C-alpha atoms as a PDB file:
ATOM      1  CA  SER A   1     -33.833  24.359 113.437  1.00  0.00           C
ATOM      2  CA  LEU A   2     -36.408  26.557 115.155  1.00  0.00           C
ATOM      3  CA  GLU A   3     -36.964  28.504 111.930  1.00  0.00           C
ATOM      4  CA  ILE A   4     -37.672  25.292 110.020  1.00  0.00           C
ATOM      5  CA  ILE A   5     -40.175  24.231 112.687  1.00  0.00           C
ATOM      6  CA  ARG A   6     -41.878  27.641 112.628  1.00  0.00           C
ATOM      7  CA  GLU A   7     -42.079  27.569 108.836  1.00  0.00           C
ATOM      8  CA  SER A   8     -43.570  24.088 108.949  1.00  0.00           C
ATOM      9  CA  VAL A   9     -46.200  25.320 111.409  1.00  0.00           C
ATOM     10  CA  ALA A  10     -46.990  28.471 109.441  1.00  0.00           C
ATOM     11  CA  LEU A  11     -47.079  26.958 105.951  1.00  0.00           C
ATOM     12  CA  GLY A  12     -50.719  26.877 105.028  1.00  0.00           C
ATOM     13  CA  GLY A  13     -51.779  25.998 108.575  1.00  0.00           C
ATOM     14  CA  TYR A  14     -52.010  22.314 107.750  1.00  0.00           C
ATOM     15  CA  SER A  15     -52.429  20.047 110.766  1.00  0.00           C
ATOM     16  CA  VAL A  16     -52.216  16.787 108.802  1.00  0.00           C
ATOM     17  CA  ALA A  17     -48.767  15.220 108.990  1.00  0.00           C
ATOM     18  CA  PHE A  18     -46.820  14.925 105.746  1.00  0.00           C
ATOM     19  CA  HIS A  19     -49.368  16.846 103.722  1.00  0.00           C
ATOM     20  CA  GLU A  20     -48.315  17.387 100.121  1.00  0.00           C
ATOM     21  CA  LEU A  21     -47.417  21.023 100.814  1.00  0.00           C
ATOM     22  CA  THR A  22     -45.668  20.431 104.139  1.00  0.00           C
ATOM     23  CA  ALA A  23     -44.090  16.986 103.643  1.00  0.00           C
ATOM     24  CA  PRO A  24     -40.530  18.246 102.933  1.00  0.00           C
ATOM     25  CA  LEU A  25     -40.553  20.442 106.041  1.00  0.00           C
ATOM     26  CA  ASP A  26     -42.238  17.733 108.116  1.00  0.00           C
ATOM     27  CA  ARG A  27     -39.448  15.330 107.207  1.00  0.00           C
ATOM     28  CA  MET A  28     -36.959  17.975 108.313  1.00  0.00           C
ATOM     29  CA  VAL A  29     -38.817  18.383 111.614  1.00  0.00           C
ATOM     30  CA  LEU A  30     -38.608  14.627 112.195  1.00  0.00           C
ATOM     31  CA  ALA A  31     -34.878  14.602 111.384  1.00  0.00           C
ATOM     32  CA  ILE A  32     -34.276  17.557 113.743  1.00  0.00           C
ATOM     33  CA  VAL A  33     -36.040  15.824 116.642  1.00  0.00           C
ATOM     34  CA  LEU A  34     -34.106  12.602 116.048  1.00  0.00           C
ATOM     35  CA  HIS A  35     -30.800  14.499 115.997  1.00  0.00           C
ATOM     36  CA  CYS A  36     -31.785  16.350 119.180  1.00  0.00           C
ATOM     37  CA  HIS A  37     -32.549  13.027 120.853  1.00  0.00           C
ATOM     38  CA  ARG A  38     -29.098  11.695 119.985  1.00  0.00           C
ATOM     39  CA  ALA A  39     -27.429  14.928 121.118  1.00  0.00           C
ATOM     40  CA  LEU A  40     -29.356  14.956 124.412  1.00  0.00           C
ATOM     41  CA  SER A  41     -28.288  11.395 125.190  1.00  0.00           C
ATOM     42  CA  ARG A  42     -24.671  12.408 124.545  1.00  0.00           C
ATOM     43  CA  CYS A  43     -25.072  15.453 126.802  1.00  0.00           C
ATOM     44  CA  SER A  44     -26.466  13.198 129.524  1.00  0.00           C
ATOM     45  CA  MET A  45     -23.410  10.950 129.339  1.00  0.00           C
ATOM     46  CA  VAL A  46     -21.014  13.915 129.360  1.00  0.00           C
ATOM     47  CA  LEU A  47     -22.780  15.443 132.368  1.00  0.00           C
ATOM     48  CA  ALA A  48     -22.616  12.156 134.279  1.00  0.00           C
ATOM     49  CA  GLU A  49     -18.904  11.846 133.503  1.00  0.00           C
ATOM     50  CA  LEU A  50     -18.146  15.430 134.562  1.00  0.00           C
ATOM     51  CA  GLU A  51     -20.004  15.171 137.845  1.00  0.00           C
ATOM     52  CA  SER A  52     -18.605  11.766 138.774  1.00  0.00           C
ATOM     53  CA  SER A  53     -14.954  12.629 138.033  1.00  0.00           C
ATOM     54  CA  PRO A  54     -12.465  14.783 139.970  1.00  0.00           C
ATOM     55  CA  TRP A  55     -12.381  18.280 138.520  1.00  0.00           C
ATOM     56  CA  ASP A  56      -8.663  18.032 137.695  1.00  0.00           C
ATOM     57  CA  LYS A  57      -9.214  15.021 135.443  1.00  0.00           C
ATOM     58  CA  TYR A  58     -10.379  17.204 132.565  1.00  0.00           C
ATOM     59  CA  PHE A  59      -9.776  20.812 133.697  1.00  0.00           C
ATOM     60  CA  SER A  60      -6.907  22.951 134.873  1.00  0.00           C
ATOM     61  CA  ASP A  61      -9.001  24.730 137.512  1.00  0.00           C
ATOM     62  CA  LEU A  62     -12.454  24.771 139.068  1.00  0.00           C
ATOM     63  CA  GLU A  63     -13.536  27.857 137.151  1.00  0.00           C
ATOM     64  CA  SER A  64     -12.997  26.077 133.833  1.00  0.00           C
ATOM     65  CA  ARG A  65     -15.068  23.154 135.064  1.00  0.00           C
ATOM     66  CA  GLN A  66     -17.905  25.464 136.126  1.00  0.00           C
ATOM     67  CA  LYS A  67     -17.859  27.248 132.762  1.00  0.00           C
ATOM     68  CA  SER A  68     -18.071  23.935 130.917  1.00  0.00           C
ATOM     69  CA  HIS A  69     -20.856  22.834 133.250  1.00  0.00           C
ATOM     70  CA  ARG A  70     -22.885  25.975 132.480  1.00  0.00           C
ATOM     71  CA  ARG A  71     -22.150  25.677 128.769  1.00  0.00           C
ATOM     72  CA  LEU A  72     -23.383  22.088 128.783  1.00  0.00           C
ATOM     73  CA  PHE A  73     -26.651  23.054 130.450  1.00  0.00           C
ATOM     74  CA  ARG A  74     -27.149  25.869 127.928  1.00  0.00           C
ATOM     75  CA  ALA A  75     -26.782  23.303 125.141  1.00  0.00           C
ATOM     76  CA  ILE A  76     -29.253  20.978 126.873  1.00  0.00           C
ATOM     77  CA  LEU A  77     -31.722  23.841 127.268  1.00  0.00           C
ATOM     78  CA  GLU A  78     -31.434  24.781 123.588  1.00  0.00           C
ATOM     79  CA  LEU A  79     -31.960  21.174 122.478  1.00  0.00           C
ATOM     80  CA  ARG A  80     -34.964  20.769 124.730  1.00  0.00           C
ATOM     81  CA  GLU A  81     -36.490  24.008 123.423  1.00  0.00           C
ATOM     82  CA  ILE A  82     -36.144  22.742 119.861  1.00  0.00           C
ATOM     83  CA  VAL A  83     -37.865  19.470 120.753  1.00  0.00           C
ATOM     84  CA  LEU A  84     -40.570  21.343 122.669  1.00  0.00           C
ATOM     85  CA  ALA A  85     -41.195  23.682 119.708  1.00  0.00           C
ATOM     86  CA  ALA A  86     -41.572  20.688 117.396  1.00  0.00           C
ATOM     87  CA  TYR A  87     -43.891  18.966 119.882  1.00  0.00           C
ATOM     88  CA  ARG A  88     -46.096  22.022 120.328  1.00  0.00           C
ATOM     89  CA  GLY A  89     -46.096  23.091 116.701  1.00  0.00           C
ATOM     90  CA  ARG A  90     -46.037  19.821 114.740  1.00  0.00           C
ATOM     91  CA  ASN A  91     -47.018  17.165 117.245  1.00  0.00           C
ATOM     92  CA  GLU A  92     -49.056  15.388 114.575  1.00  0.00           C
ATOM     93  CA  VAL A  93     -45.821  14.751 112.658  1.00  0.00           C
ATOM     94  CA  LEU A  94     -44.196  13.207 115.730  1.00  0.00           C
ATOM     95  CA  ARG A  95     -47.324  11.228 116.594  1.00  0.00           C
ATOM     96  CA  THR A  96     -47.376   9.802 113.073  1.00  0.00           C
ATOM     97  CA  ALA A  97     -43.650   9.243 112.516  1.00  0.00           C
ATOM     98  CA  LEU A  98     -42.617   7.962 115.961  1.00  0.00           C
ATOM     99  CA  SER A  99     -43.639   4.649 117.447  1.00  0.00           C
ATOM    100  CA  PRO A 100     -46.497   4.923 119.991  1.00  0.00           C
ATOM    101  CA  GLN A 101     -44.121   3.951 122.805  1.00  0.00           C
ATOM    102  CA  ALA A 102     -41.575   6.626 121.835  1.00  0.00           C
ATOM    103  CA  HIS A 103     -44.234   9.304 121.414  1.00  0.00           C
ATOM    104  CA  ASN A 104     -45.779   8.498 124.789  1.00  0.00           C
ATOM    105  CA  ALA A 105     -42.336   8.691 126.418  1.00  0.00           C
ATOM    106  CA  LEU A 106     -41.680  12.036 124.732  1.00  0.00           C
ATOM    107  CA  SER A 107     -45.029  13.394 125.918  1.00  0.00           C
ATOM    108  CA  ARG A 108     -44.336  12.350 129.507  1.00  0.00           C
ATOM    109  CA  GLY A 109     -40.832  13.806 129.371  1.00  0.00           C
ATOM    110  CA  LEU A 110     -42.151  17.194 128.251  1.00  0.00           C
ATOM    111  CA  GLU A 111     -44.938  17.395 130.811  1.00  0.00           C
ATOM    112  CA  GLU A 112     -42.691  18.998 133.420  1.00  0.00           C
ATOM    113  CA  VAL A 113     -41.520  21.547 130.878  1.00  0.00           C
ATOM    114  CA  SER A 114     -45.046  22.885 130.605  1.00  0.00           C
ATOM    115  CA  SER A 115     -45.602  22.846 134.396  1.00  0.00           C
ATOM    116  CA  PRO A 116     -42.298  23.552 136.230  1.00  0.00           C
ATOM    117  CA  LYS A 117     -42.188  23.425 140.006  1.00  0.00           C
ATOM    118  CA  LYS A 118     -42.879  26.878 141.488  1.00  0.00           C
ATOM    119  CA  GLU A 119     -41.545  26.358 144.992  1.00  0.00           C
ATOM    120  CA  SER A 120     -37.878  26.293 143.915  1.00  0.00           C
ATOM    121  CA  PRO A 121     -35.795  29.351 142.975  1.00  0.00           C
ATOM    122  CA  LYS A 122     -35.951  30.112 139.246  1.00  0.00           C
ATOM    123  CA  SER A 123     -32.347  29.139 138.436  1.00  0.00           C
ATOM    124  CA  MET A 124     -32.523  25.986 140.545  1.00  0.00           C
ATOM    125  CA  SER A 125     -35.920  25.090 139.093  1.00  0.00           C
ATOM    126  CA  LYS A 126     -34.540  25.378 135.553  1.00  0.00           C
ATOM    127  CA  GLU A 127     -31.610  23.060 136.303  1.00  0.00           C
ATOM    128  CA  VAL A 128     -33.849  20.556 138.100  1.00  0.00           C
ATOM    129  CA  ASN A 129     -36.229  20.683 135.153  1.00  0.00           C
ATOM    130  CA  LEU A 130     -33.423  20.002 132.681  1.00  0.00           C
ATOM    131  CA  ARG A 131     -32.058  17.139 134.771  1.00  0.00           C
ATOM    132  CA  SER A 132     -35.527  15.639 134.954  1.00  0.00           C
ATOM    133  CA  PHE A 133     -35.813  15.811 131.175  1.00  0.00           C
ATOM    134  CA  LEU A 134     -32.403  14.154 130.726  1.00  0.00           C
ATOM    135  CA  GLU A 135     -33.527  11.322 133.013  1.00  0.00           C
ATOM    136  CA  SER A 136     -36.802  10.825 131.147  1.00  0.00           C
ATOM    137  CA  ASP A 137     -37.521   7.574 129.337  1.00  0.00           C
ATOM    138  CA  TRP A 138     -37.405   9.284 125.947  1.00  0.00           C
ATOM    139  CA  VAL A 139     -33.870  10.654 126.375  1.00  0.00           C
ATOM    140  CA  SER A 140     -32.540   7.604 128.245  1.00  0.00           C
ATOM    141  CA  ASN A 141     -33.968   4.993 125.899  1.00  0.00           C
ATOM    142  CA  PHE A 142     -34.623   4.477 122.180  1.00  0.00           C
ATOM    143  CA  LEU A 143     -30.901   4.657 121.407  1.00  0.00           C
ATOM    144  CA  ASP A 144     -30.767   1.546 119.249  1.00  0.00           C
ATOM    145  CA  VAL A 145     -31.282   1.318 115.493  1.00  0.00           C
ATOM    146  CA  ASP A 146     -33.174  -1.111 113.282  1.00  0.00           C
ATOM    147  CA  ALA A 147     -31.222  -2.513 110.341  1.00  0.00           C
ATOM    148  CA  LEU A 148     -33.292  -2.581 107.160  1.00  0.00           C
ATOM    149  CA  GLU A 149     -31.578  -3.959 104.074  1.00  0.00           C
ATOM    150  CA  ASP A 150     -28.811  -1.466 103.249  1.00  0.00           C
ATOM    151  CA  PHE A 151     -29.638   1.264 105.771  1.00  0.00           C
ATOM    152  CA  GLU A 152     -30.505   1.788 109.434  1.00  0.00           C
ATOM    153  CA  ILE A 153     -33.232   3.831 111.103  1.00  0.00           C
ATOM    154  CA  PRO A 154     -33.639   4.798 114.781  1.00  0.00           C
ATOM    155  CA  GLU A 155     -35.707   2.289 116.698  1.00  0.00           C
ATOM    156  CA  GLN A 156     -38.156   4.983 117.807  1.00  0.00           C
ATOM    157  CA  VAL A 157     -39.255   5.643 114.219  1.00  0.00           C
ATOM    158  CA  ALA A 158     -42.646   4.116 113.413  1.00  0.00           C
ATOM    159  CA  ASN A 159     -41.985   0.893 111.531  1.00  0.00           C
ATOM    160  CA  GLY A 160     -44.913  -1.367 112.351  1.00  0.00           C
ATOM    161  CA  GLN A 161     -43.872  -1.988 115.990  1.00  0.00           C
ATOM    162  CA  MET A 162     -46.354  -3.531 118.399  1.00  0.00           C
ATOM    163  CA  HIS A 163     -47.263  -1.621 121.582  1.00  0.00           C
ATOM    164  CA  ASP A 164     -50.233  -2.305 123.868  1.00  0.00           C
ATOM    165  CA  LYS A 165     -51.575  -4.740 121.280  1.00  0.00           C
ATOM    166  CA  LYS A 166     -51.576  -1.978 118.673  1.00  0.00           C
ATOM    167  CA  LYS A 167     -49.417  -1.934 115.599  1.00  0.00           C
ATOM    168  CA  ALA A 168     -47.667   1.276 114.644  1.00  0.00           C
ATOM    169  CA  SER A 169     -47.844   2.612 111.135  1.00  0.00           C
ATOM    170  CA  THR A 170     -44.861   2.551 108.801  1.00  0.00           C
ATOM    171  CA  ARG A 171     -45.036   6.287 108.051  1.00  0.00           C
ATOM    172  CA  GLY A 172     -41.872   6.992 109.990  1.00  0.00           C
ATOM    173  CA  LYS A 173     -39.903   4.468 107.961  1.00  0.00           C
ATOM    174  CA  GLU A 174     -41.343   5.903 104.747  1.00  0.00           C
ATOM    175  CA  ALA A 175     -40.308   9.406 105.815  1.00  0.00           C
ATOM    176  CA  MET A 176     -36.768   8.193 106.499  1.00  0.00           C
ATOM    177  CA  LEU A 177     -36.598   6.563 103.056  1.00  0.00           C
ATOM    178  CA  GLU A 178     -37.789   9.809 101.496  1.00  0.00           C
ATOM    179  CA  LEU A 179     -35.140  11.714 103.459  1.00  0.00           C
ATOM    180  CA  ILE A 180     -32.448   9.345 102.203  1.00  0.00           C
ATOM    181  CA  ALA A 181     -33.640   9.794  98.608  1.00  0.00           C
ATOM    182  CA  GLU A 182     -33.714  13.580  99.014  1.00  0.00           C
ATOM    183  CA  SER A 183     -30.230  13.615 100.527  1.00  0.00           C
ATOM    184  CA  LYS A 184     -28.784  11.538  97.700  1.00  0.00           C
ATOM    185  CA  ALA A 185     -30.436  13.795  95.103  1.00  0.00           C
ATOM    186  CA  ILE A 186     -29.048  16.912  96.815  1.00  0.00           C
ATOM    187  CA  VAL A 187     -25.534  15.464  96.996  1.00  0.00           C
ATOM    188  CA  LYS A 188     -25.715  14.435  93.333  1.00  0.00           C
ATOM    189  CA  GLU A 189     -26.909  17.869  92.235  1.00  0.00           C
ATOM    190  CA  TYR A 190     -24.348  19.661  94.408  1.00  0.00           C
ATOM    191  CA  SER A 191     -21.523  17.485  93.080  1.00  0.00           C
ATOM    192  CA  ALA A 192     -22.598  18.153  89.496  1.00  0.00           C
ATOM    193  CA  LEU A 193     -22.722  21.911  90.106  1.00  0.00           C
ATOM    194  CA  LEU A 194     -19.369  21.825  91.893  1.00  0.00           C
ATOM    195  CA  ASN A 195     -17.632  19.731  89.265  1.00  0.00           C
ATOM    196  CA  GLU A 196     -19.089  21.531  86.257  1.00  0.00           C
ATOM    197  CA  PRO A 197     -16.961  24.708  86.579  1.00  0.00           C
ATOM    198  CA  PHE A 198     -13.831  22.643  87.179  1.00  0.00           C
ATOM    199  CA  GLY A 199     -14.638  20.431  84.210  1.00  0.00           C
ATOM    200  CA  ALA A 200     -15.157  23.494  82.045  1.00  0.00           C
ATOM    201  CA  PHE A 201     -11.822  24.903  83.270  1.00  0.00           C
ATOM    202  CA  CYS A 202     -10.018  21.652  82.423  1.00  0.00           C
ATOM    203  CA  GLU A 203     -11.605  21.639  78.984  1.00  0.00           C
ATOM    204  CA  SER A 204     -10.517  25.241  78.354  1.00  0.00           C
ATOM    205  CA  GLN A 205      -6.985  24.384  79.456  1.00  0.00           C
ATOM    206  CA  ARG A 206      -6.954  21.356  77.160  1.00  0.00           C
ATOM    207  CA  LYS A 207      -8.088  23.435  74.211  1.00  0.00           C
ATOM    208  CA  TRP A 208      -5.564  26.175  75.004  1.00  0.00           C
ATOM    209  CA  ALA A 209      -2.766  23.588  75.223  1.00  0.00           C
ATOM    210  CA  GLU A 210      -3.489  22.504  71.666  1.00  0.00           C
ATOM    211  CA  THR A 211      -3.183  26.006  70.139  1.00  0.00           C
ATOM    212  CA  ASP A 212      -0.291  27.449  68.102  1.00  0.00           C
ATOM    213  CA  ALA A 213       0.420  29.869  70.971  1.00  0.00           C
ATOM    214  CA  VAL A 214       1.484  26.976  73.194  1.00  0.00           C
ATOM    215  CA  ARG A 215       3.672  25.499  70.471  1.00  0.00           C
ATOM    216  CA  ASP A 216       5.303  28.893  69.884  1.00  0.00           C
ATOM    217  CA  ARG A 217       6.019  29.184  73.620  1.00  0.00           C
ATOM    218  CA  GLU A 218       7.564  25.737  73.647  1.00  0.00           C
ATOM    219  CA  TYR A 219       9.744  26.606  70.602  1.00  0.00           C
ATOM    220  CA  GLU A 220      10.902  29.870  72.208  1.00  0.00           C
ATOM    221  CA  GLY A 221      11.713  28.012  75.386  1.00  0.00           C
ATOM    222  CA  ASP A 222      13.812  25.462  73.559  1.00  0.00           C
ATOM    223  CA  LEU A 223      15.757  28.212  71.776  1.00  0.00           C
ATOM    224  CA  LEU A 224      16.398  30.028  75.046  1.00  0.00           C
ATOM    225  CA  VAL A 225      17.658  26.885  76.747  1.00  0.00           C
ATOM    226  CA  LYS A 226      20.008  26.158  73.861  1.00  0.00           C
ATOM    227  CA  ARG A 227      21.291  29.715  73.782  1.00  0.00           C
ATOM    228  CA  LEU A 228      21.992  29.796  77.497  1.00  0.00           C
ATOM    229  CA  SER A 229      23.616  26.361  77.494  1.00  0.00           C
ATOM    230  CA  SER A 230      25.988  27.405  74.683  1.00  0.00           C
ATOM    231  CA  LYS A 231      27.371  30.220  76.837  1.00  0.00           C
ATOM    232  CA  HIS A 232      28.575  27.830  79.559  1.00  0.00           C
END
């Protein structure tokens, strides 16, 4: 994910969102941020469940619980870093493709990442910072989807929503439609490439089955069966 974001930033140095040369990567950046948002909300729910439940509900000992707790925070940190890299490197994509309300919430949620509290110990400050991000409006909200004809898109994607008497663009929706079209084309091409060798194999087997060699084998098999059956 980070490599895709870096490539999107480096490719030609374009700052315009969904430029002709960067549009495929920009759509990937948008998809990555949306997936990170969903994963962060899940992490928030798991963390709340772990910390509100007795340790023996899910673990055999306290050490296992602590390991899972640390592992969960490492995952949260990695997800936040991906979102932060996208925000710093391709913020114009997020500003264009997300609704104004969602983008403002994301900006506020990342403010503390850029200016962590210095008075706390480093390890404690990092955990407090991550908890603050999990409690932000962006992670806590925008979990619904908008149903559009035969598909759904996350509600935070720009789709002409109204916010502060301003109407969002529909560029986010268009990007999602383009992603869907790209995904279907990739699946179709992959299926064709995957099925082609098998189809060729079946055709070769069909042709081989119609040769004289197969008939000779069948004749020899019949003779052998008859010969063996006559001995018993």
